[in-house]
Amino acid sequence: MVRFAAVAAELGNTRVPGTGSRPTSHRKRPSKHPVRFTIPRFSASDQGPAASELNRRRFLGALAAATVAGVGAARLVVDPQPRTFAEAPEAQVATSGPTAPAALLPPPPLSARIPLPGGGALTKIPGEGDLLALTVDDGVNSEVVRAYTQFAKDTGIRLTFFVNGIYKSWTENHDMLQPLVDSGQIQLGNHTWSHPDLTTLPKEKIAEQIGRNDQFLKKTYGIGAKPYWRPPYGKRNAVVDAVAADFGYTVPTLWSGSLSDSTVITEDYIVKMADQYFTPQAIVIGHLNHPPVTHVYPRLVEIIRDRNLRTVTLSDVFLKTP
């Protein structure tokens, strides 16, 4: 089984902030020790349909046990070649490019943008409609950032990345990511420089975290991320909000649903979370940290298509602030 304690903690974070529930961590540090899986070998004498089926079951059972052991021991699983959407097996691919039979729905027209709601954090898209804001955080793993960017190129899905500038993924993938940022398909938001719990810091350190990341985004991508920022772990208070507002970050952006992938979980569990939380007007949080999500892109797109959802960035939805 997957680490149910971690999953339960993650699911607790999907509650609307302000109800008294304090979200737990959405980012885990990589393990310094690689995980090695040992899969038993079967002899050539194991032949015939019955033996083959038995061998298959033995193999799957051993693989499951090794995977569970690895999940318990590793915070970051290194996948040297994470499958992008374009690299998925032909039978699984359902792209939404120019030749796709059923492309993803386009964003709403600019004339449909609405004013930002005032007061408190943004947890859902207001009103009723068909919009889905998929927002992904951190950037611990450069290959996952690359795969998510390729996913956007392959499918036309619109995403908001909440960036921690400390990670090299944001400079390593700059050339690939910049055109999508320039076109507005991927929006960048401020997630602080190095992902501390801001509620534990003095004002000057809060300002350093937000201001340094703001400057990084401007220097590296030539964009201003204001007014959208996401407090690490979802933790904020009046002091934190006031310091962020001094920099022009007036919209703390939280979430109404989660892919629960701040730690290493199975691909099927990620899809289960998407099935639960990919709903109209939802803001869903995911993470740019662990490879399993890069293996389920076609299944995520299938849910979006089946529900006729329209993926959006935050700027697709809301009018720009002065």
C-alpha atoms as a PDB file:
ATOM      1  CA  MET A   1       0.000   0.000   0.000  1.00  0.00           C
ATOM      2  CA  VAL A   2       1.004   3.617  -0.469  1.00  0.00           C
ATOM      3  CA  ARG A   3       1.989   5.674   2.524  1.00  0.00           C
ATOM      4  CA  PHE A   4      -1.515   6.340   3.760  1.00  0.00           C
ATOM      5  CA  ALA A   5      -0.397   8.655   6.533  1.00  0.00           C
ATOM      6  CA  ALA A   6       1.264  10.980   4.037  1.00  0.00           C
ATOM      7  CA  VAL A   7      -1.678  10.786   1.686  1.00  0.00           C
ATOM      8  CA  ALA A   8      -4.132  11.510   4.478  1.00  0.00           C
ATOM      9  CA  ALA A   9      -2.111  14.533   5.483  1.00  0.00           C
ATOM     10  CA  GLU A  10      -2.069  15.769   1.906  1.00  0.00           C
ATOM     11  CA  LEU A  11      -5.778  15.315   1.533  1.00  0.00           C
ATOM     12  CA  GLY A  12      -6.280  17.367   4.641  1.00  0.00           C
ATOM     13  CA  ASN A  13      -4.691  20.238   2.755  1.00  0.00           C
ATOM     14  CA  THR A  14      -7.535  20.330   0.276  1.00  0.00           C
ATOM     15  CA  ARG A  15      -9.793  21.892   2.877  1.00  0.00           C
ATOM     16  CA  VAL A  16     -10.517  25.534   2.289  1.00  0.00           C
ATOM     17  CA  PRO A  17      -8.039  27.538   4.388  1.00  0.00           C
ATOM     18  CA  GLY A  18      -9.510  29.652   7.121  1.00  0.00           C
ATOM     19  CA  THR A  19     -11.607  26.850   8.566  1.00  0.00           C
ATOM     20  CA  GLY A  20      -9.129  26.166  11.339  1.00  0.00           C
ATOM     21  CA  SER A  21      -7.260  23.381   9.574  1.00  0.00           C
ATOM     22  CA  ARG A  22      -3.546  24.001   9.203  1.00  0.00           C
ATOM     23  CA  PRO A  23      -2.202  22.500   5.977  1.00  0.00           C
ATOM     24  CA  THR A  24       0.813  20.273   6.199  1.00  0.00           C
ATOM     25  CA  SER A  25       3.834  20.207   3.942  1.00  0.00           C
ATOM     26  CA  HIS A  26       3.489  20.067   0.160  1.00  0.00           C
ATOM     27  CA  ARG A  27       7.206  19.653  -0.463  1.00  0.00           C
ATOM     28  CA  LYS A  28       9.639  17.047   0.697  1.00  0.00           C
ATOM     29  CA  ARG A  29      13.393  17.078   0.375  1.00  0.00           C
ATOM     30  CA  PRO A  30      15.087  14.451  -1.837  1.00  0.00           C
ATOM     31  CA  SER A  31      16.751  11.511  -0.162  1.00  0.00           C
ATOM     32  CA  LYS A  32      20.526  11.365  -0.356  1.00  0.00           C
ATOM     33  CA  HIS A  33      20.372   7.603  -0.760  1.00  0.00           C
ATOM     34  CA  PRO A  34      19.207   6.048  -4.032  1.00  0.00           C
ATOM     35  CA  VAL A  35      16.719   3.224  -3.893  1.00  0.00           C
ATOM     36  CA  ARG A  36      17.542  -0.084  -5.526  1.00  0.00           C
ATOM     37  CA  PHE A  37      14.844  -2.519  -6.497  1.00  0.00           C
ATOM     38  CA  THR A  38      15.614  -6.228  -6.706  1.00  0.00           C
ATOM     39  CA  ILE A  39      13.386  -8.257  -9.003  1.00  0.00           C
ATOM     40  CA  PRO A  40      13.637 -12.062  -8.805  1.00  0.00           C
ATOM     41  CA  ARG A  41      14.713 -14.012 -11.886  1.00  0.00           C
ATOM     42  CA  PHE A  42      12.745 -17.017 -13.093  1.00  0.00           C
ATOM     43  CA  SER A  43      14.315 -20.018 -14.751  1.00  0.00           C
ATOM     44  CA  ALA A  44      13.819 -20.948 -18.374  1.00  0.00           C
ATOM     45  CA  SER A  45      12.125 -24.141 -17.220  1.00  0.00           C
ATOM     46  CA  ASP A  46       9.115 -22.127 -16.050  1.00  0.00           C
ATOM     47  CA  GLN A  47       7.163 -22.600 -19.268  1.00  0.00           C
ATOM     48  CA  GLY A  48       3.564 -23.131 -20.358  1.00  0.00           C
ATOM     49  CA  PRO A  49       0.476 -20.926 -19.906  1.00  0.00           C
ATOM     50  CA  ALA A  50      -0.048 -21.794 -16.228  1.00  0.00           C
ATOM     51  CA  ALA A  51       3.604 -21.310 -15.384  1.00  0.00           C
ATOM     52  CA  SER A  52       3.713 -18.052 -17.358  1.00  0.00           C
ATOM     53  CA  GLU A  53       0.732 -16.704 -15.457  1.00  0.00           C
ATOM     54  CA  LEU A  54       2.308 -17.755 -12.165  1.00  0.00           C
ATOM     55  CA  ASN A  55       5.574 -16.085 -13.150  1.00  0.00           C
ATOM     56  CA  ARG A  56       3.706 -12.937 -14.121  1.00  0.00           C
ATOM     57  CA  ARG A  57       1.978 -12.819 -10.741  1.00  0.00           C
ATOM     58  CA  ARG A  58       5.263 -13.464  -8.945  1.00  0.00           C
ATOM     59  CA  PHE A  59       6.908 -10.668 -10.909  1.00  0.00           C
ATOM     60  CA  LEU A  60       4.120  -8.173 -10.229  1.00  0.00           C
ATOM     61  CA  GLY A  61       4.026  -9.098  -6.567  1.00  0.00           C
ATOM     62  CA  ALA A  62       7.786  -8.647  -6.253  1.00  0.00           C
ATOM     63  CA  LEU A  63       7.645  -5.364  -8.142  1.00  0.00           C
ATOM     64  CA  ALA A  64       4.857  -4.061  -5.898  1.00  0.00           C
ATOM     65  CA  ALA A  65       6.788  -4.988  -2.788  1.00  0.00           C
ATOM     66  CA  ALA A  66       9.923  -3.300  -4.105  1.00  0.00           C
ATOM     67  CA  THR A  67       7.965  -0.200  -5.027  1.00  0.00           C
ATOM     68  CA  VAL A  68       6.402   0.082  -1.589  1.00  0.00           C
ATOM     69  CA  ALA A  69       9.829  -0.282  -0.022  1.00  0.00           C
ATOM     70  CA  GLY A  70      11.178   2.391  -2.328  1.00  0.00           C
ATOM     71  CA  VAL A  71       8.375   4.806  -1.555  1.00  0.00           C
ATOM     72  CA  GLY A  72       9.040   4.408   2.128  1.00  0.00           C
ATOM     73  CA  ALA A  73      12.757   5.050   1.681  1.00  0.00           C
ATOM     74  CA  ALA A  74      12.907   7.726  -0.994  1.00  0.00           C
ATOM     75  CA  ARG A  75      11.645  11.286  -1.186  1.00  0.00           C
ATOM     76  CA  LEU A  76      12.679  11.717  -4.799  1.00  0.00           C
ATOM     77  CA  VAL A  77      12.804   8.939  -7.358  1.00  0.00           C
ATOM     78  CA  VAL A  78      15.141   9.741 -10.230  1.00  0.00           C
ATOM     79  CA  ASP A  79      13.713   8.659 -13.559  1.00  0.00           C
ATOM     80  CA  PRO A  80      16.414   9.239 -16.182  1.00  0.00           C
ATOM     81  CA  GLN A  81      13.861   9.276 -18.986  1.00  0.00           C
ATOM     82  CA  PRO A  82      10.444  10.339 -17.693  1.00  0.00           C
ATOM     83  CA  ARG A  83       7.847   9.728 -20.378  1.00  0.00           C
ATOM     84  CA  THR A  84       6.391  12.913 -21.735  1.00  0.00           C
ATOM     85  CA  PHE A  85       2.945  13.022 -23.240  1.00  0.00           C
ATOM     86  CA  ALA A  86       4.428  12.898 -26.723  1.00  0.00           C
ATOM     87  CA  GLU A  87       6.538   9.860 -25.840  1.00  0.00           C
ATOM     88  CA  ALA A  88       3.661   7.779 -24.484  1.00  0.00           C
ATOM     89  CA  PRO A  89       2.882   4.548 -26.368  1.00  0.00           C
ATOM     90  CA  GLU A  90       0.954   5.203 -29.561  1.00  0.00           C
ATOM     91  CA  ALA A  91      -2.194   3.466 -28.327  1.00  0.00           C
ATOM     92  CA  GLN A  92      -2.366   5.779 -25.283  1.00  0.00           C
ATOM     93  CA  VAL A  93      -1.708   9.094 -27.007  1.00  0.00           C
ATOM     94  CA  ALA A  94      -4.619  11.494 -27.386  1.00  0.00           C
ATOM     95  CA  THR A  95      -2.923  14.754 -28.285  1.00  0.00           C
ATOM     96  CA  SER A  96      -4.705  18.036 -28.685  1.00  0.00           C
ATOM     97  CA  GLY A  97      -2.384  19.534 -31.264  1.00  0.00           C
ATOM     98  CA  PRO A  98      -3.427  20.912 -34.655  1.00  0.00           C
ATOM     99  CA  THR A  99      -4.253  17.469 -36.076  1.00  0.00           C
ATOM    100  CA  ALA A 100      -6.003  16.068 -33.033  1.00  0.00           C
ATOM    101  CA  PRO A 101      -9.612  14.987 -33.602  1.00  0.00           C
ATOM    102  CA  ALA A 102     -10.758  16.478 -30.298  1.00  0.00           C
ATOM    103  CA  ALA A 103      -8.516  19.259 -29.022  1.00  0.00           C
ATOM    104  CA  LEU A 104      -8.754  20.652 -25.520  1.00  0.00           C
ATOM    105  CA  LEU A 105     -11.135  23.553 -25.209  1.00  0.00           C
ATOM    106  CA  PRO A 106      -9.519  26.978 -25.671  1.00  0.00           C
ATOM    107  CA  PRO A 107      -9.408  29.511 -22.848  1.00  0.00           C
ATOM    108  CA  PRO A 108     -12.341  31.894 -22.472  1.00  0.00           C
ATOM    109  CA  PRO A 109     -12.182  35.174 -24.418  1.00  0.00           C
ATOM    110  CA  LEU A 110     -10.511  38.148 -22.763  1.00  0.00           C
ATOM    111  CA  SER A 111     -13.893  39.824 -22.550  1.00  0.00           C
ATOM    112  CA  ALA A 112     -15.007  37.115 -20.103  1.00  0.00           C
ATOM    113  CA  ARG A 113     -12.390  37.965 -17.490  1.00  0.00           C
ATOM    114  CA  ILE A 114     -13.745  39.002 -14.105  1.00  0.00           C
ATOM    115  CA  PRO A 115     -12.447  41.192 -11.254  1.00  0.00           C
ATOM    116  CA  LEU A 116     -10.422  39.499  -8.563  1.00  0.00           C
ATOM    117  CA  PRO A 117     -12.499  38.796  -5.468  1.00  0.00           C
ATOM    118  CA  GLY A 118     -11.406  40.926  -2.571  1.00  0.00           C
ATOM    119  CA  GLY A 119     -10.382  39.772   0.874  1.00  0.00           C
ATOM    120  CA  GLY A 120      -8.763  36.514   1.898  1.00  0.00           C
ATOM    121  CA  ALA A 121      -7.119  33.822  -0.177  1.00  0.00           C
ATOM    122  CA  LEU A 122      -8.189  32.581  -3.587  1.00  0.00           C
ATOM    123  CA  THR A 123      -9.246  28.926  -3.280  1.00  0.00           C
ATOM    124  CA  LYS A 124     -11.673  28.443  -6.185  1.00  0.00           C
ATOM    125  CA  ILE A 125     -12.670  30.199  -9.376  1.00  0.00           C
ATOM    126  CA  PRO A 126     -15.809  32.192  -8.542  1.00  0.00           C
ATOM    127  CA  GLY A 127     -19.155  31.476 -10.166  1.00  0.00           C
ATOM    128  CA  GLU A 128     -20.347  28.543 -12.206  1.00  0.00           C
ATOM    129  CA  GLY A 129     -18.719  27.392 -15.385  1.00  0.00           C
ATOM    130  CA  ASP A 130     -16.373  24.892 -17.014  1.00  0.00           C
ATOM    131  CA  LEU A 131     -12.977  26.211 -15.895  1.00  0.00           C
ATOM    132  CA  LEU A 132     -10.140  24.238 -14.307  1.00  0.00           C
ATOM    133  CA  ALA A 133      -6.974  25.910 -13.007  1.00  0.00           C
ATOM    134  CA  LEU A 134      -4.209  23.319 -12.660  1.00  0.00           C
ATOM    135  CA  THR A 135      -1.389  24.874 -10.636  1.00  0.00           C
ATOM    136  CA  VAL A 136       1.924  23.116  -9.982  1.00  0.00           C
ATOM    137  CA  ASP A 137       4.541  24.080  -7.424  1.00  0.00           C
ATOM    138  CA  ASP A 138       8.213  24.079  -6.492  1.00  0.00           C
ATOM    139  CA  GLY A 139      10.509  22.656  -9.221  1.00  0.00           C
ATOM    140  CA  VAL A 140      12.709  20.285  -7.207  1.00  0.00           C
ATOM    141  CA  ASN A 141      13.206  17.978 -10.208  1.00  0.00           C
ATOM    142  CA  SER A 142      14.389  19.563 -13.448  1.00  0.00           C
ATOM    143  CA  GLU A 143      13.185  16.601 -15.511  1.00  0.00           C
ATOM    144  CA  VAL A 144       9.666  16.959 -14.132  1.00  0.00           C
ATOM    145  CA  VAL A 145       9.634  20.666 -15.012  1.00  0.00           C
ATOM    146  CA  ARG A 146      10.793  19.726 -18.502  1.00  0.00           C
ATOM    147  CA  ALA A 147       8.148  17.020 -18.837  1.00  0.00           C
ATOM    148  CA  TYR A 148       5.347  19.308 -17.663  1.00  0.00           C
ATOM    149  CA  THR A 149       6.482  21.935 -20.167  1.00  0.00           C
ATOM    150  CA  GLN A 150       6.514  19.327 -22.934  1.00  0.00           C
ATOM    151  CA  PHE A 151       3.056  18.239 -21.791  1.00  0.00           C
ATOM    152  CA  ALA A 152       1.826  21.782 -22.329  1.00  0.00           C
ATOM    153  CA  LYS A 153       3.455  21.939 -25.781  1.00  0.00           C
ATOM    154  CA  ASP A 154       1.958  18.598 -26.782  1.00  0.00           C
ATOM    155  CA  THR A 155      -1.584  19.186 -25.611  1.00  0.00           C
ATOM    156  CA  GLY A 156      -2.264  22.900 -25.326  1.00  0.00           C
ATOM    157  CA  ILE A 157      -3.122  22.510 -21.627  1.00  0.00           C
ATOM    158  CA  ARG A 158      -2.837  25.798 -19.740  1.00  0.00           C
ATOM    159  CA  LEU A 159      -0.932  25.771 -16.446  1.00  0.00           C
ATOM    160  CA  THR A 160       0.223  28.029 -13.645  1.00  0.00           C
ATOM    161  CA  PHE A 161       3.677  27.239 -12.222  1.00  0.00           C
ATOM    162  CA  PHE A 162       4.404  28.521  -8.718  1.00  0.00           C
ATOM    163  CA  VAL A 163       8.171  28.889  -8.774  1.00  0.00           C
ATOM    164  CA  ASN A 164      10.846  28.473  -6.085  1.00  0.00           C
ATOM    165  CA  GLY A 165      13.777  30.199  -7.779  1.00  0.00           C
ATOM    166  CA  ILE A 166      16.376  28.353  -5.709  1.00  0.00           C
ATOM    167  CA  TYR A 167      15.977  25.255  -7.874  1.00  0.00           C
ATOM    168  CA  LYS A 168      18.166  24.960 -10.965  1.00  0.00           C
ATOM    169  CA  SER A 169      15.233  23.531 -12.922  1.00  0.00           C
ATOM    170  CA  TRP A 170      14.062  27.073 -13.671  1.00  0.00           C
ATOM    171  CA  THR A 171      17.290  28.043 -15.406  1.00  0.00           C
ATOM    172  CA  GLU A 172      17.954  24.646 -16.993  1.00  0.00           C
ATOM    173  CA  ASN A 173      14.540  24.661 -18.694  1.00  0.00           C
ATOM    174  CA  HIS A 174      14.446  28.371 -19.473  1.00  0.00           C
ATOM    175  CA  ASP A 175      14.761  28.131 -23.251  1.00  0.00           C
ATOM    176  CA  MET A 176      11.981  25.554 -23.488  1.00  0.00           C
ATOM    177  CA  LEU A 177       9.689  27.322 -21.055  1.00  0.00           C
ATOM    178  CA  GLN A 178      10.116  30.959 -22.118  1.00  0.00           C
ATOM    179  CA  PRO A 179       8.000  30.781 -25.323  1.00  0.00           C
ATOM    180  CA  LEU A 180       5.057  29.298 -23.408  1.00  0.00           C
ATOM    181  CA  VAL A 181       5.389  31.995 -20.750  1.00  0.00           C
ATOM    182  CA  ASP A 182       5.505  34.657 -23.456  1.00  0.00           C
ATOM    183  CA  SER A 183       2.364  33.278 -25.122  1.00  0.00           C
ATOM    184  CA  GLY A 184       0.490  33.107 -21.819  1.00  0.00           C
ATOM    185  CA  GLN A 185      -0.085  29.348 -21.980  1.00  0.00           C
ATOM    186  CA  ILE A 186       2.011  28.903 -18.842  1.00  0.00           C
ATOM    187  CA  GLN A 187       1.814  31.536 -16.130  1.00  0.00           C
ATOM    188  CA  LEU A 188       4.461  31.931 -13.440  1.00  0.00           C
ATOM    189  CA  GLY A 189       3.603  32.783  -9.837  1.00  0.00           C
ATOM    190  CA  ASN A 190       5.729  33.549  -6.780  1.00  0.00           C
ATOM    191  CA  HIS A 191       6.155  30.666  -4.328  1.00  0.00           C
ATOM    192  CA  THR A 192       9.047  32.315  -2.399  1.00  0.00           C
ATOM    193  CA  TRP A 193      12.744  31.781  -3.034  1.00  0.00           C
ATOM    194  CA  SER A 194      13.393  28.606  -1.022  1.00  0.00           C
ATOM    195  CA  HIS A 195      10.034  27.414   0.362  1.00  0.00           C
ATOM    196  CA  PRO A 196      10.221  28.149   4.110  1.00  0.00           C
ATOM    197  CA  ASP A 197       7.246  28.388   6.441  1.00  0.00           C
ATOM    198  CA  LEU A 198       6.843  32.162   6.335  1.00  0.00           C
ATOM    199  CA  THR A 199       4.872  32.251   9.566  1.00  0.00           C
ATOM    200  CA  THR A 200       8.043  31.289  11.445  1.00  0.00           C
ATOM    201  CA  LEU A 201      10.173  34.119  10.019  1.00  0.00           C
ATOM    202  CA  PRO A 202      10.676  37.762  11.017  1.00  0.00           C
ATOM    203  CA  LYS A 203       9.433  40.426   8.630  1.00  0.00           C
ATOM    204  CA  GLU A 204      12.798  41.057   7.026  1.00  0.00           C
ATOM    205  CA  LYS A 205      13.232  37.369   6.158  1.00  0.00           C
ATOM    206  CA  ILE A 206       9.694  37.175   4.755  1.00  0.00           C
ATOM    207  CA  ALA A 207      10.503  40.186   2.591  1.00  0.00           C
ATOM    208  CA  GLU A 208      13.749  38.579   1.440  1.00  0.00           C
ATOM    209  CA  GLN A 209      11.965  35.371   0.395  1.00  0.00           C
ATOM    210  CA  ILE A 210       9.267  37.137  -1.596  1.00  0.00           C
ATOM    211  CA  GLY A 211      11.414  39.933  -2.980  1.00  0.00           C
ATOM    212  CA  ARG A 212      14.292  37.730  -4.079  1.00  0.00           C
ATOM    213  CA  ASN A 213      11.969  35.399  -5.955  1.00  0.00           C
ATOM    214  CA  ASP A 214      10.203  38.367  -7.541  1.00  0.00           C
ATOM    215  CA  GLN A 215      13.522  39.641  -8.862  1.00  0.00           C
ATOM    216  CA  PHE A 216      14.496  36.175 -10.087  1.00  0.00           C
ATOM    217  CA  LEU A 217      11.321  35.881 -12.164  1.00  0.00           C
ATOM    218  CA  LYS A 218      11.815  39.332 -13.650  1.00  0.00           C
ATOM    219  CA  LYS A 219      15.474  38.751 -14.472  1.00  0.00           C
ATOM    220  CA  THR A 220      15.097  35.186 -15.773  1.00  0.00           C
ATOM    221  CA  TYR A 221      11.757  35.334 -17.583  1.00  0.00           C
ATOM    222  CA  GLY A 222      11.157  39.051 -17.960  1.00  0.00           C
ATOM    223  CA  ILE A 223       7.765  38.875 -16.299  1.00  0.00           C
ATOM    224  CA  GLY A 224       6.094  40.258 -13.218  1.00  0.00           C
ATOM    225  CA  ALA A 225       4.234  37.563 -11.314  1.00  0.00           C
ATOM    226  CA  LYS A 226       2.115  39.988  -9.286  1.00  0.00           C
ATOM    227  CA  PRO A 227      -0.443  39.752  -7.783  1.00  0.00           C
ATOM    228  CA  TYR A 228      -0.421  35.936  -7.475  1.00  0.00           C
ATOM    229  CA  TRP A 229       1.693  34.174  -4.872  1.00  0.00           C
ATOM    230  CA  ARG A 230       1.385  30.887  -3.015  1.00  0.00           C
ATOM    231  CA  PRO A 231       2.588  30.644   0.600  1.00  0.00           C
ATOM    232  CA  PRO A 232       4.661  27.491   1.165  1.00  0.00           C
ATOM    233  CA  TYR A 233       2.640  24.773   2.886  1.00  0.00           C
ATOM    234  CA  GLY A 234      -0.368  27.091   2.552  1.00  0.00           C
ATOM    235  CA  LYS A 235       0.731  28.833   5.763  1.00  0.00           C
ATOM    236  CA  ARG A 236       0.124  32.557   6.116  1.00  0.00           C
ATOM    237  CA  ASN A 237      -1.016  35.111   8.670  1.00  0.00           C
ATOM    238  CA  ALA A 238      -1.689  38.836   8.811  1.00  0.00           C
ATOM    239  CA  VAL A 239       2.016  39.707   9.043  1.00  0.00           C
ATOM    240  CA  VAL A 240       2.914  37.524   6.054  1.00  0.00           C
ATOM    241  CA  ASP A 241       0.045  38.904   3.984  1.00  0.00           C
ATOM    242  CA  ALA A 242       1.057  42.475   4.785  1.00  0.00           C
ATOM    243  CA  VAL A 243       4.684  41.932   3.732  1.00  0.00           C
ATOM    244  CA  ALA A 244       3.582  40.213   0.511  1.00  0.00           C
ATOM    245  CA  ALA A 245       1.186  43.063  -0.241  1.00  0.00           C
ATOM    246  CA  ASP A 246       4.046  45.557   0.125  1.00  0.00           C
ATOM    247  CA  PHE A 247       5.608  43.859  -2.906  1.00  0.00           C
ATOM    248  CA  GLY A 248       2.316  43.928  -4.818  1.00  0.00           C
ATOM    249  CA  TYR A 249       1.434  40.297  -4.087  1.00  0.00           C
ATOM    250  CA  THR A 250      -2.118  40.827  -2.924  1.00  0.00           C
ATOM    251  CA  VAL A 251      -3.665  37.497  -3.942  1.00  0.00           C
ATOM    252  CA  PRO A 252      -2.547  34.504  -1.858  1.00  0.00           C
ATOM    253  CA  THR A 253      -3.523  31.593  -4.071  1.00  0.00           C
ATOM    254  CA  LEU A 254      -4.417  28.327  -2.349  1.00  0.00           C
ATOM    255  CA  TRP A 255      -6.487  25.438  -3.708  1.00  0.00           C
ATOM    256  CA  SER A 256      -9.702  23.451  -3.552  1.00  0.00           C
ATOM    257  CA  GLY A 257      -8.240  20.104  -4.661  1.00  0.00           C
ATOM    258  CA  SER A 258      -4.899  18.315  -4.815  1.00  0.00           C
ATOM    259  CA  LEU A 259      -3.107  15.641  -6.832  1.00  0.00           C
ATOM    260  CA  SER A 260      -1.519  14.639  -3.484  1.00  0.00           C
ATOM    261  CA  ASP A 261       1.889  14.275  -5.125  1.00  0.00           C
ATOM    262  CA  SER A 262       4.051  16.305  -2.751  1.00  0.00           C
ATOM    263  CA  THR A 263       5.536  12.929  -1.796  1.00  0.00           C
ATOM    264  CA  VAL A 264       6.132   9.920  -4.037  1.00  0.00           C
ATOM    265  CA  ILE A 265       2.826   8.144  -4.649  1.00  0.00           C
ATOM    266  CA  THR A 266       1.617   5.729  -7.301  1.00  0.00           C
ATOM    267  CA  GLU A 267       0.469   6.780 -10.729  1.00  0.00           C
ATOM    268  CA  ASP A 268      -2.968   5.277 -10.096  1.00  0.00           C
ATOM    269  CA  TYR A 269      -3.382   7.332  -6.939  1.00  0.00           C
ATOM    270  CA  ILE A 270      -2.568  10.529  -8.835  1.00  0.00           C
ATOM    271  CA  VAL A 271      -5.252   9.655 -11.375  1.00  0.00           C
ATOM    272  CA  LYS A 272      -7.673   8.906  -8.551  1.00  0.00           C
ATOM    273  CA  MET A 273      -7.067  12.369  -7.111  1.00  0.00           C
ATOM    274  CA  ALA A 274      -7.526  13.956 -10.531  1.00  0.00           C
ATOM    275  CA  ASP A 275     -10.798  12.078 -10.948  1.00  0.00           C
ATOM    276  CA  GLN A 276     -11.939  13.462  -7.599  1.00  0.00           C
ATOM    277  CA  TYR A 277     -10.788  17.057  -7.944  1.00  0.00           C
ATOM    278  CA  PHE A 278     -10.844  17.915 -11.665  1.00  0.00           C
ATOM    279  CA  THR A 279     -14.206  19.621 -11.367  1.00  0.00           C
ATOM    280  CA  PRO A 280     -15.660  22.869 -12.707  1.00  0.00           C
ATOM    281  CA  GLN A 281     -14.202  26.058 -11.192  1.00  0.00           C
ATOM    282  CA  ALA A 282     -11.584  24.159  -9.163  1.00  0.00           C
ATOM    283  CA  ILE A 283      -8.049  25.295  -8.426  1.00  0.00           C
ATOM    284  CA  VAL A 284      -5.978  22.104  -8.139  1.00  0.00           C
ATOM    285  CA  ILE A 285      -2.461  21.893  -6.738  1.00  0.00           C
ATOM    286  CA  GLY A 286       0.220  19.544  -8.034  1.00  0.00           C
ATOM    287  CA  HIS A 287       4.012  19.458  -7.757  1.00  0.00           C
ATOM    288  CA  LEU A 288       7.015  19.645 -10.065  1.00  0.00           C
ATOM    289  CA  ASN A 289       9.017  17.283  -7.899  1.00  0.00           C
ATOM    290  CA  HIS A 290       8.454  13.557  -8.533  1.00  0.00           C
ATOM    291  CA  PRO A 291       8.340  11.574 -11.821  1.00  0.00           C
ATOM    292  CA  PRO A 292       5.134   9.483 -11.399  1.00  0.00           C
ATOM    293  CA  VAL A 293       2.865  12.330 -12.551  1.00  0.00           C
ATOM    294  CA  THR A 294       4.803  12.541 -15.825  1.00  0.00           C
ATOM    295  CA  HIS A 295       3.614   9.021 -16.663  1.00  0.00           C
ATOM    296  CA  VAL A 296      -0.114   9.748 -16.463  1.00  0.00           C
ATOM    297  CA  TYR A 297      -0.538  12.815 -18.662  1.00  0.00           C
ATOM    298  CA  PRO A 298      -2.810  11.029 -21.194  1.00  0.00           C
ATOM    299  CA  ARG A 299      -5.081   9.923 -18.354  1.00  0.00           C
ATOM    300  CA  LEU A 300      -5.275  13.453 -16.965  1.00  0.00           C
ATOM    301  CA  VAL A 301      -6.208  14.791 -20.387  1.00  0.00           C
ATOM    302  CA  GLU A 302      -8.850  12.087 -20.735  1.00  0.00           C
ATOM    303  CA  ILE A 303     -10.555  13.275 -17.535  1.00  0.00           C
ATOM    304  CA  ILE A 304     -10.429  16.892 -18.707  1.00  0.00           C
ATOM    305  CA  ARG A 305     -11.894  15.995 -22.097  1.00  0.00           C
ATOM    306  CA  ASP A 306     -14.574  13.700 -20.739  1.00  0.00           C
ATOM    307  CA  ARG A 307     -15.826  16.477 -18.453  1.00  0.00           C
ATOM    308  CA  ASN A 308     -15.593  19.215 -21.094  1.00  0.00           C
ATOM    309  CA  LEU A 309     -13.404  21.292 -18.816  1.00  0.00           C
ATOM    310  CA  ARG A 310     -11.551  24.354 -20.044  1.00  0.00           C
ATOM    311  CA  THR A 311      -8.044  24.647 -18.565  1.00  0.00           C
ATOM    312  CA  VAL A 312      -7.013  28.164 -17.623  1.00  0.00           C
ATOM    313  CA  THR A 313      -4.227  30.155 -16.053  1.00  0.00           C
ATOM    314  CA  LEU A 314      -5.164  32.648 -13.374  1.00  0.00           C
ATOM    315  CA  SER A 315      -4.637  35.512 -15.834  1.00  0.00           C
ATOM    316  CA  ASP A 316      -7.108  33.838 -18.222  1.00  0.00           C
ATOM    317  CA  VAL A 317      -9.795  34.260 -15.563  1.00  0.00           C
ATOM    318  CA  PHE A 318      -9.161  37.556 -13.789  1.00  0.00           C
ATOM    319  CA  LEU A 319      -8.704  41.135 -14.926  1.00  0.00           C
ATOM    320  CA  LYS A 320      -5.280  42.613 -14.411  1.00  0.00           C
ATOM    321  CA  THR A 321      -4.883  44.747 -11.337  1.00  0.00           C
ATOM    322  CA  PRO A 322      -3.657  48.360 -11.757  1.00  0.00           C
END
